Amino acid sequence: MADKGTETVYKRQRKQPGKRKKKKRHPVLAFLIILIVLVLVGVFGFQTKDIQITGNERVTDDKVKELIQCDKSYGNTLILWLINRKIDISSEPLLSGIRLSIENPQKVVVHVREQQLVAAVKNNDQYSYVNEKGRIILTQDDKIPDIPMMDGIQIKSAENGDVLTANDDTVLDSILNIAALLNEEEITADTIGITSDGGYDLVMGKVTVLLGKDIYMEEKLSELKDLLPNLDGLSGTLHLEEYDSTKDSIIFTKDS
């Protein structure tokens, strides 16, 4: 009987079904592809086709476009927005701020905030324009239409950026209050002055409006706004100095 030889048994390594060898990923390549796609979208998908400027009345659209450097944006909405995260408006005293927003990839909205000029005063042959707090915003040789002149007070000299001072600051404060209310009510007057009895008046073309003392001024000017259509083409004096909300009539004296 022949001797049996020594046998060695090897177990097979069976592959589990459904599993495949994982392929190596290249994260750097994937990142570069994503980056290239984003760049292409940014370049070709954000071409500026419309720039809408809102909120400006005295500053022209061309001046606003100059300040936001439209010529340096290469016609790209994202670039225009990025270079205007902080805008230098120091060269334009009539502005208080500019902000840009992207409405869609092709449209930018420019939100403009202008200084509210409520009154003017003649100072050394020039016109100084102030806001409701009496701060001088602008001084120039030309008169800006639709901004009332302050009449009857002596203004001390002041520079742009300074708060206006006068020989009687209480009277000045009252006039500034009237000017701010006129601006709020969108009422145009030529002058805001002082009457001989210590009251205040407005000159509006051929109509003088007597406002009286600085009491119930909001109500008086609100009433004046309602009466403006009736004053068109007239010449005379409107009496609001004795304003009483309980009365049904207001006196207007025509010039003879």
C-alpha atoms as a PDB file:
ATOM      1  CA  MET A   1       0.000   0.000   0.000  1.00  0.00           C
ATOM      2  CA  ALA A   2       1.541   3.249  -1.025  1.00  0.00           C
ATOM      3  CA  ASP A   3       2.118   5.991   1.537  1.00  0.00           C
ATOM      4  CA  LYS A   4      -0.093   8.965   1.257  1.00  0.00           C
ATOM      5  CA  GLY A   5       1.825  12.167   0.484  1.00  0.00           C
ATOM      6  CA  THR A   6       1.597  15.231   2.689  1.00  0.00           C
ATOM      7  CA  GLU A   7      -1.268  17.437   1.501  1.00  0.00           C
ATOM      8  CA  THR A   8      -1.586  21.202   1.983  1.00  0.00           C
ATOM      9  CA  VAL A   9      -5.029  22.745   1.748  1.00  0.00           C
ATOM     10  CA  TYR A  10      -5.436  26.437   0.803  1.00  0.00           C
ATOM     11  CA  LYS A  11      -8.686  28.232   1.413  1.00  0.00           C
ATOM     12  CA  ARG A  12      -9.925  30.413  -1.427  1.00  0.00           C
ATOM     13  CA  GLN A  13     -10.575  34.060  -0.718  1.00  0.00           C
ATOM     14  CA  ARG A  14     -14.041  34.505  -2.051  1.00  0.00           C
ATOM     15  CA  LYS A  15     -15.059  37.981  -3.192  1.00  0.00           C
ATOM     16  CA  GLN A  16     -18.297  39.166  -1.790  1.00  0.00           C
ATOM     17  CA  PRO A  17     -20.832  39.793  -4.545  1.00  0.00           C
ATOM     18  CA  GLY A  18     -21.733  43.399  -5.355  1.00  0.00           C
ATOM     19  CA  LYS A  19     -18.496  44.944  -4.154  1.00  0.00           C
ATOM     20  CA  ARG A  20     -16.074  46.442  -6.598  1.00  0.00           C
ATOM     21  CA  LYS A  21     -12.723  47.906  -6.184  1.00  0.00           C
ATOM     22  CA  LYS A  22     -12.984  51.577  -5.311  1.00  0.00           C
ATOM     23  CA  LYS A  23     -11.478  54.007  -7.758  1.00  0.00           C
ATOM     24  CA  LYS A  24      -9.154  56.640  -6.453  1.00  0.00           C
ATOM     25  CA  ARG A  25     -10.640  60.140  -6.366  1.00  0.00           C
ATOM     26  CA  HIS A  26      -8.761  63.294  -7.305  1.00  0.00           C
ATOM     27  CA  PRO A  27     -10.050  66.094  -4.999  1.00  0.00           C
ATOM     28  CA  VAL A  28      -7.737  68.697  -6.507  1.00  0.00           C
ATOM     29  CA  LEU A  29      -9.052  68.053 -10.001  1.00  0.00           C
ATOM     30  CA  ALA A  30     -12.664  68.213  -8.773  1.00  0.00           C
ATOM     31  CA  PHE A  31     -11.953  71.509  -7.017  1.00  0.00           C
ATOM     32  CA  LEU A  32     -10.394  72.961 -10.158  1.00  0.00           C
ATOM     33  CA  ILE A  33     -13.392  71.932 -12.242  1.00  0.00           C
ATOM     34  CA  ILE A  34     -15.812  73.535  -9.787  1.00  0.00           C
ATOM     35  CA  LEU A  35     -13.670  76.661  -9.669  1.00  0.00           C
ATOM     36  CA  ILE A  36     -13.587  76.939 -13.462  1.00  0.00           C
ATOM     37  CA  VAL A  37     -17.379  76.531 -13.609  1.00  0.00           C
ATOM     38  CA  LEU A  38     -17.870  79.250 -10.994  1.00  0.00           C
ATOM     39  CA  VAL A  39     -15.519  81.611 -12.838  1.00  0.00           C
ATOM     40  CA  LEU A  40     -17.339  81.038 -16.129  1.00  0.00           C
ATOM     41  CA  VAL A  41     -20.708  81.674 -14.441  1.00  0.00           C
ATOM     42  CA  GLY A  42     -19.342  84.814 -12.810  1.00  0.00           C
ATOM     43  CA  VAL A  43     -17.893  86.138 -16.079  1.00  0.00           C
ATOM     44  CA  PHE A  44     -20.628  85.237 -18.538  1.00  0.00           C
ATOM     45  CA  GLY A  45     -23.661  84.945 -16.283  1.00  0.00           C
ATOM     46  CA  PHE A  46     -23.302  88.337 -14.557  1.00  0.00           C
ATOM     47  CA  GLN A  47     -23.081  90.713 -17.493  1.00  0.00           C
ATOM     48  CA  THR A  48     -24.581  94.043 -16.395  1.00  0.00           C
ATOM     49  CA  LYS A  49     -27.434  95.073 -18.664  1.00  0.00           C
ATOM     50  CA  ASP A  50     -29.376  97.428 -16.391  1.00  0.00           C
ATOM     51  CA  ILE A  51     -28.281  99.916 -13.718  1.00  0.00           C
ATOM     52  CA  GLN A  52     -31.276 101.442 -11.932  1.00  0.00           C
ATOM     53  CA  ILE A  53     -30.565 104.558  -9.840  1.00  0.00           C
ATOM     54  CA  THR A  54     -33.163 105.545  -7.243  1.00  0.00           C
ATOM     55  CA  GLY A  55     -33.506 108.238  -4.570  1.00  0.00           C
ATOM     56  CA  ASN A  56     -31.583 111.026  -6.294  1.00  0.00           C
ATOM     57  CA  GLU A  57     -33.182 114.372  -7.110  1.00  0.00           C
ATOM     58  CA  ARG A  58     -30.413 116.969  -7.157  1.00  0.00           C
ATOM     59  CA  VAL A  59     -27.462 114.700  -8.023  1.00  0.00           C
ATOM     60  CA  THR A  60     -27.544 113.510 -11.633  1.00  0.00           C
ATOM     61  CA  ASP A  61     -27.453 109.868 -12.724  1.00  0.00           C
ATOM     62  CA  ASP A  62     -24.183 110.513 -14.567  1.00  0.00           C
ATOM     63  CA  LYS A  63     -22.577 111.807 -11.366  1.00  0.00           C
ATOM     64  CA  VAL A  64     -23.748 108.749  -9.447  1.00  0.00           C
ATOM     65  CA  LYS A  65     -22.363 106.411 -12.130  1.00  0.00           C
ATOM     66  CA  GLU A  66     -19.064 108.269 -11.931  1.00  0.00           C
ATOM     67  CA  LEU A  67     -18.924 107.780  -8.155  1.00  0.00           C
ATOM     68  CA  ILE A  68     -19.638 104.044  -8.346  1.00  0.00           C
ATOM     69  CA  GLN A  69     -16.919 103.629 -11.024  1.00  0.00           C
ATOM     70  CA  CYS A  70     -19.038 101.942 -13.668  1.00  0.00           C
ATOM     71  CA  ASP A  71     -16.163 102.171 -16.142  1.00  0.00           C
ATOM     72  CA  LYS A  72     -13.985  99.949 -13.909  1.00  0.00           C
ATOM     73  CA  SER A  73     -16.433  97.076 -13.575  1.00  0.00           C
ATOM     74  CA  TYR A  74     -15.860  95.646 -17.078  1.00  0.00           C
ATOM     75  CA  GLY A  75     -19.623  95.402 -17.444  1.00  0.00           C
ATOM     76  CA  ASN A  76     -19.778  92.739 -14.748  1.00  0.00           C
ATOM     77  CA  THR A  77     -22.451  92.862 -12.042  1.00  0.00           C
ATOM     78  CA  LEU A  78     -20.374  91.089  -9.380  1.00  0.00           C
ATOM     79  CA  ILE A  79     -17.330  93.277  -9.933  1.00  0.00           C
ATOM     80  CA  LEU A  80     -19.456  96.428  -9.817  1.00  0.00           C
ATOM     81  CA  TRP A  81     -20.955  95.295  -6.505  1.00  0.00           C
ATOM     82  CA  LEU A  82     -17.600  94.285  -5.012  1.00  0.00           C
ATOM     83  CA  ILE A  83     -15.759  97.523  -5.824  1.00  0.00           C
ATOM     84  CA  ASN A  84     -18.589  99.494  -4.263  1.00  0.00           C
ATOM     85  CA  ARG A  85     -18.703  97.856  -0.854  1.00  0.00           C
ATOM     86  CA  LYS A  86     -17.394 101.200   0.404  1.00  0.00           C
ATOM     87  CA  ILE A  87     -18.027 104.286  -1.702  1.00  0.00           C
ATOM     88  CA  ASP A  88     -16.202 107.592  -1.356  1.00  0.00           C
ATOM     89  CA  ILE A  89     -18.817 110.357  -1.606  1.00  0.00           C
ATOM     90  CA  SER A  90     -16.676 113.132  -0.097  1.00  0.00           C
ATOM     91  CA  SER A  91     -16.532 114.946  -3.437  1.00  0.00           C
ATOM     92  CA  GLU A  92     -20.319 115.372  -3.546  1.00  0.00           C
ATOM     93  CA  PRO A  93     -21.680 117.279  -0.496  1.00  0.00           C
ATOM     94  CA  LEU A  94     -25.303 116.757  -1.536  1.00  0.00           C
ATOM     95  CA  LEU A  95     -24.994 113.013  -0.895  1.00  0.00           C
ATOM     96  CA  SER A  96     -25.291 111.265   2.446  1.00  0.00           C
ATOM     97  CA  GLY A  97     -24.811 107.720   1.162  1.00  0.00           C
ATOM     98  CA  ILE A  98     -24.912 105.237  -1.746  1.00  0.00           C
ATOM     99  CA  ARG A  99     -25.636 101.505  -1.517  1.00  0.00           C
ATOM    100  CA  LEU A 100     -25.722  98.889  -4.285  1.00  0.00           C
ATOM    101  CA  SER A 101     -27.826  95.747  -4.409  1.00  0.00           C
ATOM    102  CA  ILE A 102     -27.977  92.982  -7.028  1.00  0.00           C
ATOM    103  CA  GLU A 103     -31.579  92.426  -8.131  1.00  0.00           C
ATOM    104  CA  ASN A 104     -30.613  89.714 -10.606  1.00  0.00           C
ATOM    105  CA  PRO A 105     -27.383  88.719 -12.415  1.00  0.00           C
ATOM    106  CA  GLN A 106     -27.965  91.390 -15.078  1.00  0.00           C
ATOM    107  CA  LYS A 107     -29.437  94.195 -12.950  1.00  0.00           C
ATOM    108  CA  VAL A 108     -27.960  96.410 -10.231  1.00  0.00           C
ATOM    109  CA  VAL A 109     -30.013  98.851  -8.167  1.00  0.00           C
ATOM    110  CA  VAL A 110     -28.194 101.913  -6.817  1.00  0.00           C
ATOM    111  CA  HIS A 111     -29.863 103.329  -3.707  1.00  0.00           C
ATOM    112  CA  VAL A 112     -28.966 107.011  -3.287  1.00  0.00           C
ATOM    113  CA  ARG A 113     -29.496 109.049  -0.121  1.00  0.00           C
ATOM    114  CA  GLU A 114     -29.276 112.793  -0.530  1.00  0.00           C
ATOM    115  CA  GLN A 115     -28.824 115.434   2.106  1.00  0.00           C
ATOM    116  CA  GLN A 116     -32.149 117.112   2.885  1.00  0.00           C
ATOM    117  CA  LEU A 117     -31.657 120.827   2.248  1.00  0.00           C
ATOM    118  CA  VAL A 118     -34.500 122.606   4.018  1.00  0.00           C
ATOM    119  CA  ALA A 119     -33.471 126.275   3.929  1.00  0.00           C
ATOM    120  CA  ALA A 120     -30.902 128.748   2.658  1.00  0.00           C
ATOM    121  CA  VAL A 121     -29.321 131.943   3.925  1.00  0.00           C
ATOM    122  CA  LYS A 122     -27.325 134.634   2.139  1.00  0.00           C
ATOM    123  CA  ASN A 123     -23.850 134.758   3.639  1.00  0.00           C
ATOM    124  CA  ASN A 124     -21.058 136.917   2.213  1.00  0.00           C
ATOM    125  CA  ASP A 125     -22.710 137.127  -1.227  1.00  0.00           C
ATOM    126  CA  GLN A 126     -23.104 133.364  -1.327  1.00  0.00           C
ATOM    127  CA  TYR A 127     -25.950 130.993  -0.548  1.00  0.00           C
ATOM    128  CA  SER A 128     -25.466 128.576   2.327  1.00  0.00           C
ATOM    129  CA  TYR A 129     -27.841 125.598   2.435  1.00  0.00           C
ATOM    130  CA  VAL A 130     -28.642 123.818   5.675  1.00  0.00           C
ATOM    131  CA  ASN A 131     -30.360 120.609   6.764  1.00  0.00           C
ATOM    132  CA  GLU A 132     -33.093 120.396   9.412  1.00  0.00           C
ATOM    133  CA  LYS A 133     -30.456 120.543  12.169  1.00  0.00           C
ATOM    134  CA  GLY A 134     -28.993 123.756  10.820  1.00  0.00           C
ATOM    135  CA  ARG A 135     -25.779 122.175   9.595  1.00  0.00           C
ATOM    136  CA  ILE A 136     -24.351 123.873   6.512  1.00  0.00           C
ATOM    137  CA  ILE A 137     -24.189 121.270   3.745  1.00  0.00           C
ATOM    138  CA  LEU A 138     -23.361 123.392   0.733  1.00  0.00           C
ATOM    139  CA  THR A 139     -22.241 126.941  -0.045  1.00  0.00           C
ATOM    140  CA  GLN A 140     -22.273 128.255  -3.588  1.00  0.00           C
ATOM    141  CA  ASP A 141     -22.909 131.337  -5.726  1.00  0.00           C
ATOM    142  CA  ASP A 142     -26.146 130.083  -7.287  1.00  0.00           C
ATOM    143  CA  LYS A 143     -29.595 129.880  -5.734  1.00  0.00           C
ATOM    144  CA  ILE A 144     -31.149 126.417  -5.792  1.00  0.00           C
ATOM    145  CA  PRO A 145     -34.853 126.599  -6.732  1.00  0.00           C
ATOM    146  CA  ASP A 146     -37.587 125.494  -4.313  1.00  0.00           C
ATOM    147  CA  ILE A 147     -35.491 125.970  -1.163  1.00  0.00           C
ATOM    148  CA  PRO A 148     -36.832 128.819   1.033  1.00  0.00           C
ATOM    149  CA  MET A 149     -34.603 131.669   2.131  1.00  0.00           C
ATOM    150  CA  MET A 150     -34.428 132.491   5.839  1.00  0.00           C
ATOM    151  CA  ASP A 151     -35.230 136.175   6.235  1.00  0.00           C
ATOM    152  CA  GLY A 152     -34.951 138.602   9.144  1.00  0.00           C
ATOM    153  CA  ILE A 153     -32.167 136.969  11.163  1.00  0.00           C
ATOM    154  CA  GLN A 154     -28.510 137.887  11.359  1.00  0.00           C
ATOM    155  CA  ILE A 155     -26.360 134.875  10.594  1.00  0.00           C
ATOM    156  CA  LYS A 156     -22.878 134.572  12.031  1.00  0.00           C
ATOM    157  CA  SER A 157     -20.227 133.382   9.612  1.00  0.00           C
ATOM    158  CA  ALA A 158     -19.855 129.601   9.348  1.00  0.00           C
ATOM    159  CA  GLU A 159     -18.114 127.060   7.154  1.00  0.00           C
ATOM    160  CA  ASN A 160     -19.460 123.972   5.427  1.00  0.00           C
ATOM    161  CA  GLY A 161     -20.008 121.245   7.988  1.00  0.00           C
ATOM    162  CA  ASP A 162     -20.591 123.698  10.827  1.00  0.00           C
ATOM    163  CA  VAL A 163     -23.909 124.255  12.545  1.00  0.00           C
ATOM    164  CA  LEU A 164     -25.386 127.630  11.667  1.00  0.00           C
ATOM    165  CA  THR A 165     -25.482 130.217  14.458  1.00  0.00           C
ATOM    166  CA  ALA A 166     -27.423 133.480  14.615  1.00  0.00           C
ATOM    167  CA  ASN A 167     -27.960 136.504  16.811  1.00  0.00           C
ATOM    168  CA  ASP A 168     -31.042 134.754  18.221  1.00  0.00           C
ATOM    169  CA  ASP A 169     -30.722 130.969  18.245  1.00  0.00           C
ATOM    170  CA  THR A 170     -34.275 130.487  19.548  1.00  0.00           C
ATOM    171  CA  VAL A 171     -35.692 132.243  16.486  1.00  0.00           C
ATOM    172  CA  LEU A 172     -33.305 130.310  14.257  1.00  0.00           C
ATOM    173  CA  ASP A 173     -34.506 127.011  15.749  1.00  0.00           C
ATOM    174  CA  SER A 174     -38.140 127.984  15.082  1.00  0.00           C
ATOM    175  CA  ILE A 175     -37.374 128.890  11.472  1.00  0.00           C
ATOM    176  CA  LEU A 176     -35.500 125.607  10.974  1.00  0.00           C
ATOM    177  CA  ASN A 177     -38.479 123.753  12.434  1.00  0.00           C
ATOM    178  CA  ILE A 178     -40.822 125.496   9.990  1.00  0.00           C
ATOM    179  CA  ALA A 179     -38.422 124.754   7.124  1.00  0.00           C
ATOM    180  CA  ALA A 180     -38.275 121.051   8.051  1.00  0.00           C
ATOM    181  CA  LEU A 181     -42.084 120.866   8.195  1.00  0.00           C
ATOM    182  CA  LEU A 182     -42.381 122.563   4.807  1.00  0.00           C
ATOM    183  CA  ASN A 183     -39.985 119.986   3.379  1.00  0.00           C
ATOM    184  CA  GLU A 184     -41.958 117.153   4.964  1.00  0.00           C
ATOM    185  CA  GLU A 185     -45.259 118.464   3.606  1.00  0.00           C
ATOM    186  CA  GLU A 186     -43.651 119.167   0.208  1.00  0.00           C
ATOM    187  CA  ILE A 187     -44.680 122.830   0.361  1.00  0.00           C
ATOM    188  CA  THR A 188     -42.588 125.271  -1.635  1.00  0.00           C
ATOM    189  CA  ALA A 189     -42.015 128.757  -0.212  1.00  0.00           C
ATOM    190  CA  ASP A 190     -39.811 131.638  -1.309  1.00  0.00           C
ATOM    191  CA  THR A 191     -38.953 132.903   2.175  1.00  0.00           C
ATOM    192  CA  ILE A 192     -39.491 132.156   5.857  1.00  0.00           C
ATOM    193  CA  GLY A 193     -39.493 135.389   7.823  1.00  0.00           C
ATOM    194  CA  ILE A 194     -40.229 137.099  11.125  1.00  0.00           C
ATOM    195  CA  THR A 195     -43.154 139.476  11.622  1.00  0.00           C
ATOM    196  CA  SER A 196     -43.101 142.641  13.749  1.00  0.00           C
ATOM    197  CA  ASP A 197     -45.124 140.978  16.516  1.00  0.00           C
ATOM    198  CA  GLY A 198     -42.651 138.118  16.913  1.00  0.00           C
ATOM    199  CA  GLY A 199     -44.501 135.650  14.728  1.00  0.00           C
ATOM    200  CA  TYR A 200     -43.482 133.996  11.484  1.00  0.00           C
ATOM    201  CA  ASP A 201     -44.625 134.237   7.900  1.00  0.00           C
ATOM    202  CA  LEU A 202     -44.111 132.659   4.520  1.00  0.00           C
ATOM    203  CA  VAL A 203     -43.920 134.319   1.137  1.00  0.00           C
ATOM    204  CA  MET A 204     -45.197 132.070  -1.627  1.00  0.00           C
ATOM    205  CA  GLY A 205     -45.242 133.993  -4.867  1.00  0.00           C
ATOM    206  CA  LYS A 206     -47.921 136.664  -4.483  1.00  0.00           C
ATOM    207  CA  VAL A 207     -49.342 135.120  -1.320  1.00  0.00           C
ATOM    208  CA  THR A 208     -48.144 135.884   2.209  1.00  0.00           C
ATOM    209  CA  VAL A 209     -49.026 133.320   4.860  1.00  0.00           C
ATOM    210  CA  LEU A 210     -49.121 134.614   8.442  1.00  0.00           C
ATOM    211  CA  LEU A 211     -48.244 131.731  10.758  1.00  0.00           C
ATOM    212  CA  GLY A 212     -48.134 133.610  14.051  1.00  0.00           C
ATOM    213  CA  LYS A 213     -46.245 132.214  17.051  1.00  0.00           C
ATOM    214  CA  ASP A 214     -44.436 128.881  16.935  1.00  0.00           C
ATOM    215  CA  ILE A 215     -47.368 126.875  18.310  1.00  0.00           C
ATOM    216  CA  TYR A 216     -49.518 124.304  16.495  1.00  0.00           C
ATOM    217  CA  MET A 217     -47.101 124.745  13.592  1.00  0.00           C
ATOM    218  CA  GLU A 218     -47.609 121.208  12.279  1.00  0.00           C
ATOM    219  CA  GLU A 219     -51.374 121.719  12.192  1.00  0.00           C
ATOM    220  CA  LYS A 220     -51.038 125.125  10.527  1.00  0.00           C
ATOM    221  CA  LEU A 221     -48.818 123.825   7.750  1.00  0.00           C
ATOM    222  CA  SER A 222     -50.989 120.760   7.240  1.00  0.00           C
ATOM    223  CA  GLU A 223     -53.948 123.134   6.812  1.00  0.00           C
ATOM    224  CA  LEU A 224     -51.892 125.231   4.410  1.00  0.00           C
ATOM    225  CA  LYS A 225     -51.173 122.187   2.241  1.00  0.00           C
ATOM    226  CA  ASP A 226     -54.899 121.457   1.988  1.00  0.00           C
ATOM    227  CA  LEU A 227     -55.567 125.077   0.958  1.00  0.00           C
ATOM    228  CA  LEU A 228     -52.840 125.347  -1.690  1.00  0.00           C
ATOM    229  CA  PRO A 229     -55.121 124.493  -4.668  1.00  0.00           C
ATOM    230  CA  ASN A 230     -57.436 127.363  -3.640  1.00  0.00           C
ATOM    231  CA  LEU A 231     -54.544 129.848  -3.536  1.00  0.00           C
ATOM    232  CA  ASP A 232     -53.394 129.231  -7.086  1.00  0.00           C
ATOM    233  CA  GLY A 233     -53.306 132.484  -9.052  1.00  0.00           C
ATOM    234  CA  LEU A 234     -54.337 134.645  -6.082  1.00  0.00           C
ATOM    235  CA  SER A 235     -52.576 137.624  -4.508  1.00  0.00           C
ATOM    236  CA  GLY A 236     -53.077 138.464  -0.854  1.00  0.00           C
ATOM    237  CA  THR A 237     -52.640 137.273   2.730  1.00  0.00           C
ATOM    238  CA  LEU A 238     -53.691 133.994   4.316  1.00  0.00           C
ATOM    239  CA  HIS A 239     -54.300 134.277   8.057  1.00  0.00           C
ATOM    240  CA  LEU A 240     -53.200 131.246  10.051  1.00  0.00           C
ATOM    241  CA  GLU A 241     -51.850 133.161  13.046  1.00  0.00           C
ATOM    242  CA  GLU A 242     -55.037 132.528  15.039  1.00  0.00           C
ATOM    243  CA  TYR A 243     -55.452 128.948  13.828  1.00  0.00           C
ATOM    244  CA  ASP A 244     -58.132 126.990  15.652  1.00  0.00           C
ATOM    245  CA  SER A 245     -59.042 123.462  14.589  1.00  0.00           C
ATOM    246  CA  THR A 246     -62.599 123.964  15.820  1.00  0.00           C
ATOM    247  CA  LYS A 247     -63.285 126.799  13.383  1.00  0.00           C
ATOM    248  CA  ASP A 248     -64.795 126.036  10.004  1.00  0.00           C
ATOM    249  CA  SER A 249     -63.235 128.931   8.079  1.00  0.00           C
ATOM    250  CA  ILE A 250     -59.857 130.580   7.481  1.00  0.00           C
ATOM    251  CA  ILE A 251     -59.566 134.196   6.387  1.00  0.00           C
ATOM    252  CA  PHE A 252     -57.829 135.150   3.151  1.00  0.00           C
ATOM    253  CA  THR A 253     -57.475 138.864   2.382  1.00  0.00           C
ATOM    254  CA  LYS A 254     -57.086 139.685  -1.289  1.00  0.00           C
ATOM    255  CA  ASP A 255     -54.795 142.501  -2.354  1.00  0.00           C
ATOM    256  CA  SER A 256     -56.717 145.547  -3.542  1.00  0.00           C
END
